[in-house]
N, C-alpha and C. Protein backbone atom coordinates (compact mmCIF):
# COMPACT_ATOMS: atom_id res chain seq x y z
N UNK A 1 -27.02 -4.62 9.42
CA UNK A 1 -26.32 -3.50 9.20
C UNK A 1 -24.34 -3.68 8.81
N UNK A 2 -23.85 -3.30 7.82
CA UNK A 2 -22.37 -3.63 7.28
C UNK A 2 -21.71 -3.66 8.59
N UNK A 3 -20.36 -4.30 8.88
CA UNK A 3 -19.44 -4.11 9.71
C UNK A 3 -19.10 -3.19 9.50
N UNK A 4 -18.76 -2.41 7.71
CA UNK A 4 -18.04 -1.36 6.84
C UNK A 4 -18.21 0.44 7.76
N UNK A 5 -19.85 0.07 7.81
CA UNK A 5 -19.91 0.79 8.70
C UNK A 5 -20.20 1.96 10.56
N UNK A 6 -19.56 0.63 10.91
CA UNK A 6 -19.94 0.72 12.50
C UNK A 6 -18.61 1.34 12.72
N UNK A 7 -19.15 2.15 13.86
CA UNK A 7 -18.08 2.84 14.29
C UNK A 7 -17.64 2.32 16.06
N UNK A 8 -19.33 2.91 16.63
CA UNK A 8 -19.22 2.19 17.94
C UNK A 8 -20.01 1.15 18.60
N UNK A 9 -19.43 -0.47 18.59
CA UNK A 9 -20.67 -1.16 18.97
C UNK A 9 -21.73 -1.02 19.78
N UNK A 10 -21.70 0.08 21.02
CA UNK A 10 -21.75 0.66 22.06
C UNK A 10 -23.27 1.56 21.62
N UNK A 11 -22.98 2.90 20.46
CA UNK A 11 -23.75 3.24 20.64
C UNK A 11 -24.39 3.04 18.84
N UNK A 12 -25.22 3.82 18.55
CA UNK A 12 -26.93 4.08 17.70
C UNK A 12 -25.94 3.45 16.00
N UNK A 13 -26.89 2.65 15.63
CA UNK A 13 -26.22 2.06 14.18
C UNK A 13 -25.70 3.61 13.55
N UNK A 14 -25.18 3.00 12.59
CA UNK A 14 -25.47 4.11 11.72
C UNK A 14 -26.66 4.30 10.61
N UNK A 15 -26.59 5.86 10.27
CA UNK A 15 -27.88 6.18 9.58
C UNK A 15 -27.62 6.17 8.06
N UNK A 16 -28.05 5.25 7.11
CA UNK A 16 -27.75 5.21 5.76
C UNK A 16 -29.07 5.57 5.05
N UNK A 17 -28.84 6.92 4.62
CA UNK A 17 -29.73 7.52 3.68
C UNK A 17 -29.91 6.75 2.45
N UNK A 18 -31.31 6.48 1.79
CA UNK A 18 -31.14 6.64 0.49
C UNK A 18 -30.56 7.21 -0.45
N UNK A 19 -30.20 6.81 -1.67
CA UNK A 19 -29.46 7.36 -2.21
C UNK A 19 -30.61 7.68 -3.95
N UNK A 20 -30.07 8.97 -4.62
CA UNK A 20 -30.95 10.18 -4.98
C UNK A 20 -30.83 9.94 -6.77
N UNK A 21 -31.17 8.45 -6.98
CA UNK A 21 -30.23 8.06 -8.41
C UNK A 21 -31.01 8.86 -9.51
N UNK A 22 -32.37 9.28 -9.30
CA UNK A 22 -33.07 10.66 -10.27
C UNK A 22 -32.62 11.60 -10.71
N UNK A 23 -31.43 12.16 -9.34
CA UNK A 23 -30.92 13.66 -9.17
C UNK A 23 -29.72 13.12 -9.78
N UNK A 24 -28.95 12.19 -9.32
CA UNK A 24 -27.71 11.90 -9.94
C UNK A 24 -28.15 11.68 -11.41
N UNK A 25 -28.36 10.83 -11.99
CA UNK A 25 -28.34 10.76 -13.00
C UNK A 25 -28.51 12.02 -14.44
N UNK A 26 -29.35 12.33 -13.82
CA UNK A 26 -29.56 13.65 -14.56
C UNK A 26 -28.60 15.51 -14.50
N UNK A 27 -27.93 15.03 -12.75
CA UNK A 27 -26.64 15.42 -12.88
C UNK A 27 -25.76 15.19 -13.65
N UNK A 28 -25.15 13.88 -14.13
CA UNK A 28 -24.17 13.33 -15.10
C UNK A 28 -24.94 13.59 -16.69
N UNK A 29 -26.10 13.40 -16.74
CA UNK A 29 -26.86 14.08 -18.13
C UNK A 29 -26.50 16.04 -18.41
N UNK A 30 -25.89 16.34 -17.40
CA UNK A 30 -26.21 18.03 -17.79
C UNK A 30 -26.72 19.17 -17.16
N UNK A 31 -27.88 18.31 -16.76
CA UNK A 31 -28.59 19.70 -15.80
C UNK A 31 -28.04 19.96 -14.41
N UNK A 32 -28.50 21.10 -14.55
CA UNK A 32 -28.04 22.05 -13.32
C UNK A 32 -28.37 22.31 -12.20
N UNK A 33 -28.12 22.11 -11.62
CA UNK A 33 -28.78 21.86 -9.68
C UNK A 33 -29.74 22.64 -9.46
N UNK A 34 -29.84 24.45 -9.93
CA UNK A 34 -30.35 24.90 -10.36
C UNK A 34 -32.34 25.01 -10.82
N UNK A 35 -32.24 24.00 -12.24
CA UNK A 35 -32.94 23.50 -13.04
C UNK A 35 -32.93 22.60 -12.20
N UNK A 36 -32.47 21.70 -11.56
CA UNK A 36 -33.50 20.57 -11.01
C UNK A 36 -34.33 20.41 -9.55
N UNK A 37 -33.69 21.78 -8.88
CA UNK A 37 -33.99 22.04 -7.31
C UNK A 37 -35.48 21.85 -7.20
N UNK A 38 -35.88 23.32 -8.01
CA UNK A 38 -37.31 22.86 -8.41
C UNK A 38 -38.35 21.99 -8.66
N UNK A 39 -37.78 21.06 -9.28
CA UNK A 39 -38.36 19.18 -9.28
C UNK A 39 -37.43 18.13 -8.23
N UNK A 40 -37.23 18.92 -7.40
CA UNK A 40 -36.49 17.89 -6.27
C UNK A 40 -36.28 18.57 -5.33
N UNK A 41 -37.24 19.29 -4.55
CA UNK A 41 -36.77 19.85 -3.87
C UNK A 41 -35.83 19.96 -2.30
N UNK A 42 -36.51 18.50 -2.52
CA UNK A 42 -36.04 17.53 -1.01
C UNK A 42 -34.60 17.17 -0.87
N UNK A 43 -34.19 17.07 -2.02
CA UNK A 43 -32.99 17.01 -1.97
C UNK A 43 -31.71 17.74 -1.66
N UNK A 44 -30.73 17.35 -0.83
CA UNK A 44 -30.16 17.48 -0.32
C UNK A 44 -28.74 18.28 -0.97
N UNK A 45 -28.46 17.29 -1.42
CA UNK A 45 -27.21 17.25 -2.73
C UNK A 45 -27.44 18.48 -3.61
N UNK A 46 -28.34 18.68 -4.14
CA UNK A 46 -28.68 20.01 -5.14
C UNK A 46 -28.06 20.78 -4.24
N UNK A 47 -28.88 21.22 -2.68
CA UNK A 47 -28.82 22.25 -2.31
C UNK A 47 -27.64 22.33 -1.80
N UNK A 48 -26.82 21.72 -1.64
CA UNK A 48 -25.50 21.47 -1.25
C UNK A 48 -24.27 21.79 -2.28
N UNK A 49 -24.80 22.20 -3.80
CA UNK A 49 -24.27 22.12 -5.02
C UNK A 49 -24.86 23.50 -5.56
N UNK A 50 -25.41 23.99 -5.19
CA UNK A 50 -26.00 25.29 -4.63
C UNK A 50 -24.99 26.00 -4.31
N UNK A 51 -25.23 25.34 -2.98
CA UNK A 51 -24.31 26.73 -2.06
C UNK A 51 -23.13 26.53 -2.14
N UNK A 52 -22.23 25.55 -3.14
CA UNK A 52 -20.58 25.16 -3.32
C UNK A 52 -20.83 26.83 -4.22
N UNK A 53 -21.07 26.86 -5.40
CA UNK A 53 -21.16 27.39 -7.01
C UNK A 53 -21.71 28.50 -6.38
N UNK A 54 -22.62 29.20 -4.96
CA UNK A 54 -22.55 30.48 -4.45
C UNK A 54 -20.96 30.71 -3.56
N UNK A 55 -21.37 30.01 -3.10
CA UNK A 55 -19.01 30.18 -2.35
C UNK A 55 -18.68 30.61 -3.08
N UNK A 56 -18.19 29.89 -4.07
CA UNK A 56 -16.98 30.18 -5.40
C UNK A 56 -17.51 31.37 -5.81
N UNK A 57 -18.36 31.71 -6.02
CA UNK A 57 -18.68 33.04 -6.97
C UNK A 57 -18.67 33.76 -5.47
N UNK A 58 -18.47 33.60 -4.25
CA UNK A 58 -18.53 35.08 -3.48
C UNK A 58 -20.01 35.84 -2.81
N UNK A 59 -20.98 34.94 -3.03
CA UNK A 59 -22.23 34.66 -3.30
C UNK A 59 -22.21 34.18 -0.98
N UNK A 60 -21.78 34.73 -0.67
CA UNK A 60 -21.62 33.86 0.65
C UNK A 60 -23.37 33.88 1.34
N UNK A 61 -24.10 35.16 1.05
CA UNK A 61 -24.81 34.98 1.45
C UNK A 61 -26.07 33.82 1.39
N UNK A 62 -26.20 33.77 -0.03
CA UNK A 62 -26.73 32.98 -0.67
C UNK A 62 -25.93 31.60 -0.49
N UNK A 63 -25.05 31.55 -0.87
CA UNK A 63 -24.20 29.94 0.00
C UNK A 63 -25.12 29.09 1.50
N UNK A 64 -24.73 30.36 2.31
CA UNK A 64 -25.82 30.24 3.47
C UNK A 64 -26.91 29.93 3.32
N UNK A 65 -27.91 30.45 2.56
CA UNK A 65 -29.10 29.76 2.37
C UNK A 65 -29.19 28.42 2.03
N UNK A 66 -27.92 28.56 0.80
CA UNK A 66 -28.56 27.18 -0.23
C UNK A 66 -28.36 26.15 1.06
N UNK A 67 -27.43 25.72 1.69
CA UNK A 67 -26.84 25.30 2.93
C UNK A 67 -27.61 25.03 3.78
N UNK A 68 -28.82 26.13 4.18
CA UNK A 68 -28.93 25.29 5.20
C UNK A 68 -30.37 24.79 4.80
N UNK A 69 -31.02 25.16 4.05
CA UNK A 69 -31.79 24.38 2.88
C UNK A 69 -31.72 22.99 2.74
N UNK A 70 -30.34 22.60 2.55
CA UNK A 70 -29.75 21.69 2.33
C UNK A 70 -30.21 20.97 4.10
N UNK A 71 -29.42 21.28 4.62
CA UNK A 71 -29.00 20.95 5.86
C UNK A 71 -30.73 20.40 6.69
N UNK A 72 -31.54 21.44 6.54
CA UNK A 72 -32.74 21.26 7.35
C UNK A 72 -33.93 19.75 6.46
N UNK A 73 -33.24 19.91 5.24
CA UNK A 73 -33.76 18.79 4.32
C UNK A 73 -33.02 17.66 4.41
N UNK A 74 -31.60 17.39 4.65
CA UNK A 74 -31.32 16.66 5.42
C UNK A 74 -31.46 15.99 6.62
N UNK A 75 -31.96 16.96 7.51
CA UNK A 75 -32.42 16.92 9.31
C UNK A 75 -33.62 15.12 9.01
N UNK A 76 -34.96 16.39 7.88
CA UNK A 76 -36.17 15.58 7.51
C UNK A 76 -35.60 14.08 7.19
N UNK A 77 -34.51 14.06 6.35
CA UNK A 77 -34.15 12.57 5.93
C UNK A 77 -34.10 11.72 6.53
N UNK A 78 -32.82 12.36 7.55
CA UNK A 78 -31.94 11.29 8.54
C UNK A 78 -33.26 11.10 9.89
N UNK A 79 -34.16 11.47 9.95
CA UNK A 79 -35.50 11.29 10.63
C UNK A 79 -36.27 10.44 10.04
N UNK A 80 -36.58 10.44 9.27
CA UNK A 80 -37.31 9.67 8.29
C UNK A 80 -36.70 8.27 8.57
N UNK A 81 -35.34 8.28 8.67
CA UNK A 81 -34.88 6.97 8.13
C UNK A 81 -34.42 6.84 9.53
N UNK A 82 -35.06 6.76 10.79
CA UNK A 82 -34.54 6.07 12.27
C UNK A 82 -33.61 6.64 12.71
N UNK A 83 -33.10 8.01 12.19
CA UNK A 83 -32.03 8.60 13.04
C UNK A 83 -32.28 9.40 14.43
N UNK A 84 -32.19 9.27 15.10
CA UNK A 84 -32.77 9.77 16.98
C UNK A 84 -31.96 11.53 17.23
N UNK A 85 -31.07 11.50 16.13
CA UNK A 85 -30.64 12.62 17.16
C UNK A 85 -29.53 12.73 17.25
N UNK A 86 -28.37 11.37 16.90
CA UNK A 86 -26.82 10.54 17.24
C UNK A 86 -26.81 9.95 16.65
N UNK A 87 -25.45 9.94 16.53
CA UNK A 87 -25.70 8.33 15.54
C UNK A 87 -24.28 9.06 14.57
N UNK A 88 -23.24 7.99 13.36
CA UNK A 88 -22.93 7.86 12.93
C UNK A 88 -24.10 8.01 11.28
N UNK A 89 -23.01 8.95 10.34
CA UNK A 89 -23.91 9.24 9.41
C UNK A 89 -22.61 9.37 8.23
N UNK A 90 -22.09 7.71 8.41
CA UNK A 90 -21.11 8.03 7.48
C UNK A 90 -20.70 8.63 5.69
N UNK A 91 -19.79 9.20 5.61
CA UNK A 91 -19.84 9.74 4.82
C UNK A 91 -18.85 8.77 2.69
N UNK A 92 -18.62 8.33 3.47
CA UNK A 92 -18.68 6.90 1.96
C UNK A 92 -19.16 6.25 1.84
N UNK A 93 -21.20 6.22 2.39
CA UNK A 93 -22.38 5.35 1.98
C UNK A 93 -22.79 6.83 0.67
N UNK A 94 -23.11 6.30 -0.30
CA UNK A 94 -23.07 8.15 -1.34
C UNK A 94 -24.30 8.08 -0.41
N UNK A 95 -25.01 7.60 -0.54
CA UNK A 95 -26.74 8.24 0.04
C UNK A 95 -26.34 9.89 1.04
N UNK A 96 -25.87 9.86 2.52
CA UNK A 96 -25.75 10.49 3.26
C UNK A 96 -24.37 11.91 2.72
N UNK A 97 -23.93 11.61 1.56
CA UNK A 97 -23.26 12.45 1.34
C UNK A 97 -23.64 14.17 0.97
N UNK A 98 -24.90 14.45 0.59
CA UNK A 98 -25.13 15.25 -0.01
C UNK A 98 -25.79 16.14 1.22
N UNK A 99 -26.31 15.04 2.32
CA UNK A 99 -26.77 16.15 3.72
C UNK A 99 -25.39 16.47 4.53
N UNK A 100 -24.33 15.78 4.21
CA UNK A 100 -23.44 16.83 4.72
C UNK A 100 -22.48 16.88 4.17
N UNK A 101 -22.39 16.95 2.87
CA UNK A 101 -22.24 18.18 1.86
C UNK A 101 -22.75 19.72 2.54
N UNK A 102 -24.12 19.51 2.40
CA UNK A 102 -25.19 20.90 2.94
C UNK A 102 -24.54 21.07 4.15
N UNK A 103 -24.30 20.03 5.10
CA UNK A 103 -24.07 20.70 6.38
C UNK A 103 -22.19 21.70 6.87
N UNK A 104 -21.73 20.18 5.60
CA UNK A 104 -19.68 21.19 5.82
C UNK A 104 -19.71 22.69 5.13
N UNK A 105 -21.20 22.64 4.31
CA UNK A 105 -21.30 24.29 3.38
C UNK A 105 -21.90 25.60 4.06
N UNK A 106 -22.86 24.63 5.41
CA UNK A 106 -23.94 25.58 6.33
C UNK A 106 -22.33 26.73 7.13
N UNK A 107 -21.46 24.94 7.51
CA UNK A 107 -20.43 25.38 8.69
C UNK A 107 -19.29 26.48 7.60
N UNK A 108 -18.95 26.62 6.78
CA UNK A 108 -18.37 27.72 5.20
C UNK A 108 -19.27 28.44 5.82
N UNK A 109 -20.19 28.61 6.14
CA UNK A 109 -20.32 29.63 5.01
C UNK A 109 -21.33 30.32 6.73
N UNK A 110 -20.92 30.23 7.79
CA UNK A 110 -21.00 30.18 8.69
C UNK A 110 -20.11 31.40 9.16
N UNK A 111 -19.29 30.41 8.91
CA UNK A 111 -17.77 31.21 9.12
C UNK A 111 -17.49 32.58 8.46
N UNK A 112 -17.86 32.41 7.66
CA UNK A 112 -17.84 33.66 6.43
C UNK A 112 -18.62 34.92 7.01
N UNK A 113 -19.55 34.47 7.52
CA UNK A 113 -20.38 35.81 7.99
C UNK A 113 -20.07 35.93 9.88
N UNK A 114 -19.67 34.90 10.27
CA UNK A 114 -19.21 35.36 11.52
C UNK A 114 -19.73 34.90 12.81
N UNK A 115 -20.79 34.23 12.07
CA UNK A 115 -21.27 33.44 12.85
C UNK A 115 -20.15 32.06 13.74
N UNK A 116 -19.69 32.57 14.16
CA UNK A 116 -18.41 31.76 14.89
C UNK A 116 -19.22 30.41 16.03
N UNK A 117 -20.36 30.76 16.73
CA UNK A 117 -20.70 29.75 17.30
C UNK A 117 -21.94 28.84 16.95
N UNK A 118 -22.57 29.38 15.15
CA UNK A 118 -22.52 28.10 14.74
C UNK A 118 -21.78 27.08 13.85
N UNK A 119 -20.70 27.89 13.50
CA UNK A 119 -19.48 26.94 12.98
C UNK A 119 -19.01 26.56 13.22
N UNK A 120 -18.49 26.62 15.05
CA UNK A 120 -18.29 25.34 15.72
C UNK A 120 -19.35 24.66 15.89
N UNK A 121 -20.65 24.40 16.67
CA UNK A 121 -22.11 23.76 15.76
C UNK A 121 -21.50 22.79 14.87
N UNK A 122 -21.58 23.38 14.00
CA UNK A 122 -22.04 22.45 12.18
C UNK A 122 -20.36 22.02 12.79
N UNK A 123 -18.89 21.98 12.85
CA UNK A 123 -18.09 21.82 12.97
C UNK A 123 -18.40 19.72 13.67
N UNK A 124 -18.52 20.36 14.64
CA UNK A 124 -19.22 18.90 16.03
C UNK A 124 -20.33 18.54 15.44
N UNK A 125 -20.91 18.34 14.84
CA UNK A 125 -22.18 17.82 14.22
C UNK A 125 -21.16 16.91 13.23
N UNK A 126 -20.51 17.25 12.76
CA UNK A 126 -20.26 17.17 11.18
C UNK A 126 -18.84 16.01 11.60
N UNK A 127 -17.92 16.40 12.29
CA UNK A 127 -17.25 15.36 12.86
C UNK A 127 -18.14 14.12 13.72
N UNK A 128 -18.85 14.42 14.63
CA UNK A 128 -19.45 13.77 15.32
C UNK A 128 -20.30 12.37 14.02
N UNK A 129 -21.18 12.81 13.09
CA UNK A 129 -21.75 12.54 12.07
C UNK A 129 -20.46 11.23 11.45
N UNK A 130 -19.41 12.33 11.23
CA UNK A 130 -18.10 11.10 10.45
C UNK A 130 -16.74 12.23 10.36
N UNK A 131 -15.63 11.45 11.63
CA UNK A 131 -14.46 11.96 11.43
C UNK A 131 -14.04 12.43 9.74
N UNK A 132 -13.96 11.70 9.23
CA UNK A 132 -13.36 11.84 7.61
C UNK A 132 -14.36 13.34 7.17
N UNK A 133 -15.15 13.22 6.84
CA UNK A 133 -15.69 13.15 6.04
C UNK A 133 -15.49 15.18 5.05
N UNK A 134 -15.75 15.27 6.56
CA UNK A 134 -14.51 17.14 6.24
C UNK A 134 -13.17 17.44 5.00
N UNK A 135 -12.41 16.03 5.80
CA UNK A 135 -11.48 16.22 4.37
C UNK A 135 -11.38 15.03 3.44
N UNK A 136 -12.93 14.59 3.55
CA UNK A 136 -13.08 13.42 2.39
C UNK A 136 -13.63 15.09 1.27
N UNK A 137 -14.78 15.78 1.81
CA UNK A 137 -14.97 16.95 0.80
C UNK A 137 -14.70 17.75 0.46
N UNK A 138 -13.39 18.45 1.29
CA UNK A 138 -12.24 19.25 0.47
C UNK A 138 -11.12 18.58 -0.44
N UNK A 139 -11.38 16.89 0.07
CA UNK A 139 -10.60 16.82 -1.84
C UNK A 139 -11.73 17.00 -2.76
N UNK A 140 -12.10 16.75 -2.89
CA UNK A 140 -12.94 16.79 -3.83
C UNK A 140 -12.87 17.91 -5.39
C-alpha cells in the first residue's frame, strides 16, 4: 500500500477501488451519463453525475434517488475490494471518486428534503472516508 494514502498506521488500510476506464473514456468522448448508466449500472461515477445534474436542475427527489443508487453500488464495490465498514477511502485515488461523489450527493439531497439525521450520518461517513473529500468535491 502506498504511504501517500496511509492516514493512521494503527487503523485499517485505505480502500482503493479500481478505475472505470470504459466509463471515463465514453464520458470524455461526449457520451451522456444517462445513456451510459444502462450499460454500466454498477458505476457510482455515473450515478453521481446524474445526481449532480438533477440537483442542479432542481429535481431534488431524482437527485436523491440517483445518489442513493450510486452510494449502494459503491458500497458493493468497497466490500468487493475488502472494505470492512470502516477506514479511509481517499478522494485523491481516482477510482474512489465516483463513490465519494455519490456519497456527497446523497447527503446534499437528504439535507434538501429535510432528512437531517441521514444528512448528518452521510457527512460523518464522508469525513471518516476522507476529511478532504467534501472540499475537493465542492471545488469542482
